[in-house]
Amino acid sequence: MPVAIVTGASRGLGRALAAGLAARGWDLVLDARRADGLEESAEAVRALGARVVAVPGDVTDPAHRTDLVAAARGLGGLDLLVNNAAVLGAEPLVPLAGHALDGFRTALEVNVVAPLGLVQEALPLLRGARAGAVVNLSSDAAAEPYRTWGGYGATKAALDQLSAVLAVEEPGLRVWWVDPGSMRTDMLAAAEPAEDLSGTPALAEVVPVFLRLVEERPASGRYAAAAFLEA
């Protein structure tokens, strides 16, 4: 069975993507900060027939990243790394003039430094895989100047650039940085609590993009969910 690491898997897109991969025969290493929520996700995914190792911890902790890769090795290797875990830096979002610098530093650590650290830790296994791939979660805020999204968007823009360079430096891998578009998640609700999210796409409409990437293995690059589904 192919093996994937999915970070931020206790809720939202991470949990939905883990379920989608499990339904297609993947074994999984799942990460989240809260052990209780993570174990709930793990049990739901195990019910789909997958082998699942739940590793609670903080992706900014180097020892935790080592544990995630070790868990994948214990399942037989690593074929896919999904860097999904992220924080906003401020909840609700605020203009840059009032953005706390400590919050921005935290967002940089979680959204940029930790994914790079996990990629570095995982590269020996990914290079040895028959079809190794990395998925980094981007955002339209990385490319568009939305009011109050400057701090979070800056971290995603940095992750986009890291992804682009990784794709050049590791031509034997597939590297996809994916803008899923707006999704009906707790994170979006926390970012803009006054917004009506009833018309926002559900996770079930977004997960197929990631599954299609994994199955069709297009060239490394940046993909927007809506455009990719229409292609």
C-alpha atoms as a PDB file:
ATOM      1  CA  MET A   1       0.000   0.000   0.000  1.00  0.00           C
ATOM      2  CA  PRO A   2       1.249   3.543  -0.651  1.00  0.00           C
ATOM      3  CA  VAL A   3       1.867   5.643   2.457  1.00  0.00           C
ATOM      4  CA  ALA A   4       1.083   9.326   3.045  1.00  0.00           C
ATOM      5  CA  ILE A   5       1.771  11.780   5.847  1.00  0.00           C
ATOM      6  CA  VAL A   6      -1.020  14.328   6.293  1.00  0.00           C
ATOM      7  CA  THR A   7      -0.503  17.157   8.776  1.00  0.00           C
ATOM      8  CA  GLY A   8      -3.332  19.052  10.397  1.00  0.00           C
ATOM      9  CA  ALA A   9      -5.543  15.976  10.090  1.00  0.00           C
ATOM     10  CA  SER A  10      -7.816  16.347  13.125  1.00  0.00           C
ATOM     11  CA  ARG A  11     -10.398  18.415  11.262  1.00  0.00           C
ATOM     12  CA  GLY A  12     -11.201  20.258   8.062  1.00  0.00           C
ATOM     13  CA  LEU A  13      -9.387  19.545   4.831  1.00  0.00           C
ATOM     14  CA  GLY A  14      -6.722  17.377   6.460  1.00  0.00           C
ATOM     15  CA  ARG A  15      -9.291  14.991   7.890  1.00  0.00           C
ATOM     16  CA  ALA A  16     -11.327  14.912   4.671  1.00  0.00           C
ATOM     17  CA  LEU A  17      -8.251  14.305   2.542  1.00  0.00           C
ATOM     18  CA  ALA A  18      -7.072  11.501   4.818  1.00  0.00           C
ATOM     19  CA  ALA A  19     -10.445   9.803   4.398  1.00  0.00           C
ATOM     20  CA  GLY A  20     -10.293  10.240   0.630  1.00  0.00           C
ATOM     21  CA  LEU A  21      -6.838   8.684   0.433  1.00  0.00           C
ATOM     22  CA  ALA A  22      -7.819   5.810   2.721  1.00  0.00           C
ATOM     23  CA  ALA A  23     -10.801   5.021   0.530  1.00  0.00           C
ATOM     24  CA  ARG A  24      -8.345   4.617  -2.359  1.00  0.00           C
ATOM     25  CA  GLY A  25      -6.064   2.184  -0.575  1.00  0.00           C
ATOM     26  CA  TRP A  26      -3.545   4.457   1.126  1.00  0.00           C
ATOM     27  CA  ASP A  27      -2.041   3.884   4.566  1.00  0.00           C
ATOM     28  CA  LEU A  28      -1.584   7.037   6.594  1.00  0.00           C
ATOM     29  CA  VAL A  29       0.429   8.860   9.213  1.00  0.00           C
ATOM     30  CA  LEU A  30      -1.728  11.626  10.655  1.00  0.00           C
ATOM     31  CA  ASP A  31      -0.631  14.659  12.645  1.00  0.00           C
ATOM     32  CA  ALA A  32      -2.418  17.290  14.727  1.00  0.00           C
ATOM     33  CA  ARG A  33      -1.731  19.219  17.896  1.00  0.00           C
ATOM     34  CA  ARG A  34      -4.733  17.866  19.840  1.00  0.00           C
ATOM     35  CA  ALA A  35      -4.538  14.161  20.593  1.00  0.00           C
ATOM     36  CA  ASP A  36      -8.275  13.715  21.152  1.00  0.00           C
ATOM     37  CA  GLY A  37      -9.364  15.222  17.838  1.00  0.00           C
ATOM     38  CA  LEU A  38      -6.587  13.397  16.023  1.00  0.00           C
ATOM     39  CA  GLU A  39      -7.618  10.029  17.423  1.00  0.00           C
ATOM     40  CA  GLU A  40     -11.209  10.648  16.309  1.00  0.00           C
ATOM     41  CA  SER A  41      -9.954  11.247  12.784  1.00  0.00           C
ATOM     42  CA  ALA A  42      -7.716   8.196  12.929  1.00  0.00           C
ATOM     43  CA  GLU A  43     -10.584   5.947  13.994  1.00  0.00           C
ATOM     44  CA  ALA A  44     -12.787   7.245  11.186  1.00  0.00           C
ATOM     45  CA  VAL A  45     -10.034   6.566   8.648  1.00  0.00           C
ATOM     46  CA  ARG A  46      -9.275   3.104  10.059  1.00  0.00           C
ATOM     47  CA  ALA A  47     -12.938   2.240   9.506  1.00  0.00           C
ATOM     48  CA  LEU A  48     -12.211   2.613   5.775  1.00  0.00           C
ATOM     49  CA  GLY A  49      -9.666  -0.201   5.949  1.00  0.00           C
ATOM     50  CA  ALA A  50      -6.435   1.787   6.142  1.00  0.00           C
ATOM     51  CA  ARG A  51      -3.528   1.272   8.479  1.00  0.00           C
ATOM     52  CA  VAL A  52      -3.246   4.538  10.397  1.00  0.00           C
ATOM     53  CA  VAL A  53      -0.634   5.863  12.804  1.00  0.00           C
ATOM     54  CA  ALA A  54      -1.760   8.946  14.721  1.00  0.00           C
ATOM     55  CA  VAL A  55       1.143  11.077  15.978  1.00  0.00           C
ATOM     56  CA  PRO A  56      -0.030  14.061  18.041  1.00  0.00           C
ATOM     57  CA  GLY A  57       2.368  16.971  18.299  1.00  0.00           C
ATOM     58  CA  ASP A  58       3.437  20.338  16.953  1.00  0.00           C
ATOM     59  CA  VAL A  59       4.914  20.488  13.447  1.00  0.00           C
ATOM     60  CA  THR A  60       7.252  23.261  14.591  1.00  0.00           C
ATOM     61  CA  ASP A  61       8.989  20.708  16.858  1.00  0.00           C
ATOM     62  CA  PRO A  62      11.874  18.981  15.029  1.00  0.00           C
ATOM     63  CA  ALA A  63      11.516  15.864  17.184  1.00  0.00           C
ATOM     64  CA  HIS A  64       7.862  15.581  16.208  1.00  0.00           C
ATOM     65  CA  ARG A  65       8.733  15.834  12.523  1.00  0.00           C
ATOM     66  CA  THR A  66      11.268  13.040  13.008  1.00  0.00           C
ATOM     67  CA  ASP A  67       8.569  10.938  14.671  1.00  0.00           C
ATOM     68  CA  LEU A  68       6.196  11.461  11.725  1.00  0.00           C
ATOM     69  CA  VAL A  69       8.759  10.244   9.205  1.00  0.00           C
ATOM     70  CA  ALA A  70       9.729   7.331  11.461  1.00  0.00           C
ATOM     71  CA  ALA A  71       6.064   6.306  11.597  1.00  0.00           C
ATOM     72  CA  ALA A  72       5.899   6.339   7.801  1.00  0.00           C
ATOM     73  CA  ARG A  73       9.037   4.222   7.643  1.00  0.00           C
ATOM     74  CA  GLY A  74       7.358   1.767   9.985  1.00  0.00           C
ATOM     75  CA  LEU A  75       4.457   1.457   7.536  1.00  0.00           C
ATOM     76  CA  GLY A  76       6.864   0.647   4.723  1.00  0.00           C
ATOM     77  CA  GLY A  77       8.053   3.992   3.352  1.00  0.00           C
ATOM     78  CA  LEU A  78       6.632   7.306   2.192  1.00  0.00           C
ATOM     79  CA  ASP A  79       5.023   8.114  -1.140  1.00  0.00           C
ATOM     80  CA  LEU A  80       3.208  11.379  -0.378  1.00  0.00           C
ATOM     81  CA  LEU A  81       3.744  14.251   2.056  1.00  0.00           C
ATOM     82  CA  VAL A  82       0.827  16.654   2.521  1.00  0.00           C
ATOM     83  CA  ASN A  83       1.769  19.860   4.354  1.00  0.00           C
ATOM     84  CA  ASN A  84      -1.717  20.959   5.374  1.00  0.00           C
ATOM     85  CA  ALA A  85      -1.258  22.219   8.951  1.00  0.00           C
ATOM     86  CA  ALA A  86      -1.460  26.000   9.156  1.00  0.00           C
ATOM     87  CA  VAL A  87      -2.396  28.900  11.421  1.00  0.00           C
ATOM     88  CA  LEU A  88      -3.799  32.323  10.574  1.00  0.00           C
ATOM     89  CA  GLY A  89      -1.507  34.366  12.808  1.00  0.00           C
ATOM     90  CA  ALA A  90      -4.459  36.402  14.074  1.00  0.00           C
ATOM     91  CA  GLU A  91      -8.066  35.378  14.790  1.00  0.00           C
ATOM     92  CA  PRO A  92     -10.032  37.137  13.463  1.00  0.00           C
ATOM     93  CA  LEU A  93      -7.752  38.562  10.806  1.00  0.00           C
ATOM     94  CA  VAL A  94      -6.651  42.184  11.137  1.00  0.00           C
ATOM     95  CA  PRO A  95      -5.027  44.787   8.862  1.00  0.00           C
ATOM     96  CA  LEU A  96      -1.241  44.740   8.692  1.00  0.00           C
ATOM     97  CA  ALA A  97      -1.047  47.989  10.652  1.00  0.00           C
ATOM     98  CA  GLY A  98      -2.416  46.183  13.687  1.00  0.00           C
ATOM     99  CA  HIS A  99      -1.056  42.685  13.120  1.00  0.00           C
ATOM    100  CA  ALA A 100       0.821  41.427  16.184  1.00  0.00           C
ATOM    101  CA  LEU A 101       4.377  40.536  15.182  1.00  0.00           C
ATOM    102  CA  ASP A 102       4.439  37.559  17.526  1.00  0.00           C
ATOM    103  CA  GLY A 103       1.412  36.166  15.709  1.00  0.00           C
ATOM    104  CA  PHE A 104       3.114  36.704  12.364  1.00  0.00           C
ATOM    105  CA  ARG A 105       6.246  34.930  13.597  1.00  0.00           C
ATOM    106  CA  THR A 106       4.134  31.994  14.728  1.00  0.00           C
ATOM    107  CA  ALA A 107       2.446  31.824  11.316  1.00  0.00           C
ATOM    108  CA  LEU A 108       5.832  31.841   9.601  1.00  0.00           C
ATOM    109  CA  GLU A 109       7.043  28.990  11.803  1.00  0.00           C
ATOM    110  CA  VAL A 110       3.950  26.843  11.248  1.00  0.00           C
ATOM    111  CA  ASN A 111       3.183  27.707   7.620  1.00  0.00           C
ATOM    112  CA  VAL A 112       6.692  27.987   6.157  1.00  0.00           C
ATOM    113  CA  VAL A 113       9.506  26.762   8.389  1.00  0.00           C
ATOM    114  CA  ALA A 114       7.756  23.584   9.571  1.00  0.00           C
ATOM    115  CA  PRO A 115       6.781  22.401   6.055  1.00  0.00           C
ATOM    116  CA  LEU A 116      10.356  22.894   4.885  1.00  0.00           C
ATOM    117  CA  GLY A 117      11.652  21.037   7.918  1.00  0.00           C
ATOM    118  CA  LEU A 118       9.293  18.136   7.271  1.00  0.00           C
ATOM    119  CA  VAL A 119      10.267  18.028   3.606  1.00  0.00           C
ATOM    120  CA  GLN A 120      13.936  17.878   4.598  1.00  0.00           C
ATOM    121  CA  GLU A 121      13.222  15.068   7.052  1.00  0.00           C
ATOM    122  CA  ALA A 122      11.129  13.138   4.535  1.00  0.00           C
ATOM    123  CA  LEU A 123      13.274  13.533   1.411  1.00  0.00           C
ATOM    124  CA  PRO A 124      15.291  10.316   1.807  1.00  0.00           C
ATOM    125  CA  LEU A 125      12.069   8.269   1.833  1.00  0.00           C
ATOM    126  CA  LEU A 126      10.376  10.323  -0.881  1.00  0.00           C
ATOM    127  CA  ARG A 127      13.389   9.987  -3.178  1.00  0.00           C
ATOM    128  CA  GLY A 128      13.310   6.237  -2.652  1.00  0.00           C
ATOM    129  CA  ALA A 129       9.620   5.942  -3.460  1.00  0.00           C
ATOM    130  CA  ARG A 130       8.471   4.780  -6.866  1.00  0.00           C
ATOM    131  CA  ALA A 131       6.341   7.924  -7.257  1.00  0.00           C
ATOM    132  CA  GLY A 132       7.247  10.338  -4.454  1.00  0.00           C
ATOM    133  CA  ALA A 133       5.219  13.542  -4.198  1.00  0.00           C
ATOM    134  CA  VAL A 134       4.762  16.601  -2.005  1.00  0.00           C
ATOM    135  CA  VAL A 135       1.567  18.632  -1.693  1.00  0.00           C
ATOM    136  CA  ASN A 136       1.865  22.050  -0.055  1.00  0.00           C
ATOM    137  CA  LEU A 137      -1.374  23.854   0.771  1.00  0.00           C
ATOM    138  CA  SER A 138      -1.408  27.331  -0.729  1.00  0.00           C
ATOM    139  CA  SER A 139      -4.122  29.995  -0.838  1.00  0.00           C
ATOM    140  CA  ASP A 140      -5.411  32.628  -3.216  1.00  0.00           C
ATOM    141  CA  ALA A 141      -4.255  35.054  -0.500  1.00  0.00           C
ATOM    142  CA  ALA A 142      -0.706  34.168  -1.586  1.00  0.00           C
ATOM    143  CA  ALA A 143      -1.313  35.880  -4.929  1.00  0.00           C
ATOM    144  CA  GLU A 144      -4.129  38.395  -4.346  1.00  0.00           C
ATOM    145  CA  PRO A 145      -4.099  41.462  -2.043  1.00  0.00           C
ATOM    146  CA  TYR A 146      -7.148  40.783   0.130  1.00  0.00           C
ATOM    147  CA  ARG A 147      -7.644  43.192   2.989  1.00  0.00           C
ATOM    148  CA  THR A 148      -6.658  41.677   6.380  1.00  0.00           C
ATOM    149  CA  TRP A 149      -5.131  38.601   4.735  1.00  0.00           C
ATOM    150  CA  GLY A 150      -1.647  40.122   4.400  1.00  0.00           C
ATOM    151  CA  GLY A 151       0.103  38.210   7.175  1.00  0.00           C
ATOM    152  CA  TYR A 152      -1.322  34.799   6.329  1.00  0.00           C
ATOM    153  CA  GLY A 153      -1.006  35.463   2.597  1.00  0.00           C
ATOM    154  CA  ALA A 154       2.667  36.368   2.992  1.00  0.00           C
ATOM    155  CA  THR A 155       3.383  33.012   4.617  1.00  0.00           C
ATOM    156  CA  LYS A 156       1.623  31.170   1.811  1.00  0.00           C
ATOM    157  CA  ALA A 157       3.484  33.189  -0.816  1.00  0.00           C
ATOM    158  CA  ALA A 158       6.729  32.123   0.846  1.00  0.00           C
ATOM    159  CA  LEU A 159       5.589  28.495   0.819  1.00  0.00           C
ATOM    160  CA  ASP A 160       4.735  28.810  -2.874  1.00  0.00           C
ATOM    161  CA  GLN A 161       8.265  29.966  -3.628  1.00  0.00           C
ATOM    162  CA  LEU A 162       9.806  27.175  -1.568  1.00  0.00           C
ATOM    163  CA  SER A 163       7.625  24.720  -3.469  1.00  0.00           C
ATOM    164  CA  ALA A 164       8.687  26.098  -6.850  1.00  0.00           C
ATOM    165  CA  VAL A 165      12.367  25.847  -5.971  1.00  0.00           C
ATOM    166  CA  LEU A 166      11.916  22.356  -4.527  1.00  0.00           C
ATOM    167  CA  ALA A 167      10.342  21.260  -7.794  1.00  0.00           C
ATOM    168  CA  VAL A 168      13.456  22.435  -9.662  1.00  0.00           C
ATOM    169  CA  GLU A 169      15.885  20.938  -7.179  1.00  0.00           C
ATOM    170  CA  GLU A 170      14.087  17.576  -6.915  1.00  0.00           C
ATOM    171  CA  PRO A 171      13.067  16.721 -10.496  1.00  0.00           C
ATOM    172  CA  GLY A 172      12.503  13.087  -9.547  1.00  0.00           C
ATOM    173  CA  LEU A 173       9.566  14.088  -7.344  1.00  0.00           C
ATOM    174  CA  ARG A 174       6.219  15.677  -8.063  1.00  0.00           C
ATOM    175  CA  VAL A 175       5.721  18.898  -6.094  1.00  0.00           C
ATOM    176  CA  TRP A 176       2.286  20.505  -6.193  1.00  0.00           C
ATOM    177  CA  TRP A 177       1.339  23.679  -4.379  1.00  0.00           C
ATOM    178  CA  VAL A 178      -2.419  23.870  -4.389  1.00  0.00           C
ATOM    179  CA  ASP A 179      -4.831  26.760  -3.892  1.00  0.00           C
ATOM    180  CA  PRO A 180      -8.051  25.055  -2.783  1.00  0.00           C
ATOM    181  CA  GLY A 181     -10.093  28.261  -2.904  1.00  0.00           C
ATOM    182  CA  SER A 182     -12.578  29.175  -0.192  1.00  0.00           C
ATOM    183  CA  MET A 183     -13.783  26.214   1.841  1.00  0.00           C
ATOM    184  CA  ARG A 184     -16.386  25.853   4.571  1.00  0.00           C
ATOM    185  CA  THR A 185     -13.928  25.255   7.413  1.00  0.00           C
ATOM    186  CA  ASP A 186     -13.427  26.294  11.024  1.00  0.00           C
ATOM    187  CA  MET A 187     -10.326  28.220   9.939  1.00  0.00           C
ATOM    188  CA  LEU A 188     -12.242  30.413   7.509  1.00  0.00           C
ATOM    189  CA  ALA A 189     -14.927  30.981  10.134  1.00  0.00           C
ATOM    190  CA  ALA A 190     -12.235  32.068  12.600  1.00  0.00           C
ATOM    191  CA  ALA A 191     -10.624  34.342  10.019  1.00  0.00           C
ATOM    192  CA  GLU A 192     -13.827  36.217   9.179  1.00  0.00           C
ATOM    193  CA  PRO A 193     -16.460  35.396  11.824  1.00  0.00           C
ATOM    194  CA  ALA A 194     -18.958  37.929  10.458  1.00  0.00           C
ATOM    195  CA  GLU A 195     -19.034  36.336   7.001  1.00  0.00           C
ATOM    196  CA  ASP A 196     -21.866  34.091   5.848  1.00  0.00           C
ATOM    197  CA  LEU A 197     -20.173  30.886   4.689  1.00  0.00           C
ATOM    198  CA  SER A 198     -23.330  29.045   3.643  1.00  0.00           C
ATOM    199  CA  GLY A 199     -22.506  29.498  -0.036  1.00  0.00           C
ATOM    200  CA  THR A 200     -18.855  28.532   0.336  1.00  0.00           C
ATOM    201  CA  PRO A 201     -17.827  25.192  -1.217  1.00  0.00           C
ATOM    202  CA  ALA A 202     -17.908  22.197   1.125  1.00  0.00           C
ATOM    203  CA  LEU A 203     -14.841  20.038   1.636  1.00  0.00           C
ATOM    204  CA  ALA A 204     -16.418  17.270  -0.435  1.00  0.00           C
ATOM    205  CA  GLU A 205     -16.155  19.569  -3.457  1.00  0.00           C
ATOM    206  CA  VAL A 206     -12.440  20.246  -2.916  1.00  0.00           C
ATOM    207  CA  VAL A 207     -10.951  16.876  -1.923  1.00  0.00           C
ATOM    208  CA  PRO A 208     -11.370  15.420  -5.450  1.00  0.00           C
ATOM    209  CA  VAL A 209      -8.783  17.929  -6.705  1.00  0.00           C
ATOM    210  CA  PHE A 210      -6.097  16.455  -4.468  1.00  0.00           C
ATOM    211  CA  LEU A 211      -7.069  12.890  -5.249  1.00  0.00           C
ATOM    212  CA  ARG A 212      -6.919  13.627  -8.966  1.00  0.00           C
ATOM    213  CA  LEU A 213      -3.448  15.148  -8.604  1.00  0.00           C
ATOM    214  CA  VAL A 214      -2.209  12.057  -6.805  1.00  0.00           C
ATOM    215  CA  GLU A 215      -3.751   9.678  -9.325  1.00  0.00           C
ATOM    216  CA  GLU A 216      -2.927  11.551 -12.551  1.00  0.00           C
ATOM    217  CA  ARG A 217       0.463  12.963 -11.432  1.00  0.00           C
ATOM    218  CA  PRO A 218       0.592  16.075 -13.609  1.00  0.00           C
ATOM    219  CA  ALA A 219       3.793  18.104 -13.808  1.00  0.00           C
ATOM    220  CA  SER A 220       5.017  19.864 -10.698  1.00  0.00           C
ATOM    221  CA  GLY A 221       3.456  23.297 -10.339  1.00  0.00           C
ATOM    222  CA  ARG A 222       0.840  25.531  -8.762  1.00  0.00           C
ATOM    223  CA  TYR A 223      -2.750  24.386  -9.177  1.00  0.00           C
ATOM    224  CA  ALA A 224      -5.985  26.206  -8.351  1.00  0.00           C
ATOM    225  CA  ALA A 225      -8.732  23.781  -7.411  1.00  0.00           C
ATOM    226  CA  ALA A 226     -11.530  25.262  -9.492  1.00  0.00           C
ATOM    227  CA  ALA A 227      -9.454  25.540 -12.673  1.00  0.00           C
ATOM    228  CA  PHE A 228      -7.958  22.059 -12.267  1.00  0.00           C
ATOM    229  CA  LEU A 229     -11.357  20.416 -11.916  1.00  0.00           C
ATOM    230  CA  GLU A 230     -12.550  22.157 -15.060  1.00  0.00           C
ATOM    231  CA  ALA A 231      -9.471  21.134 -17.087  1.00  0.00           C
END
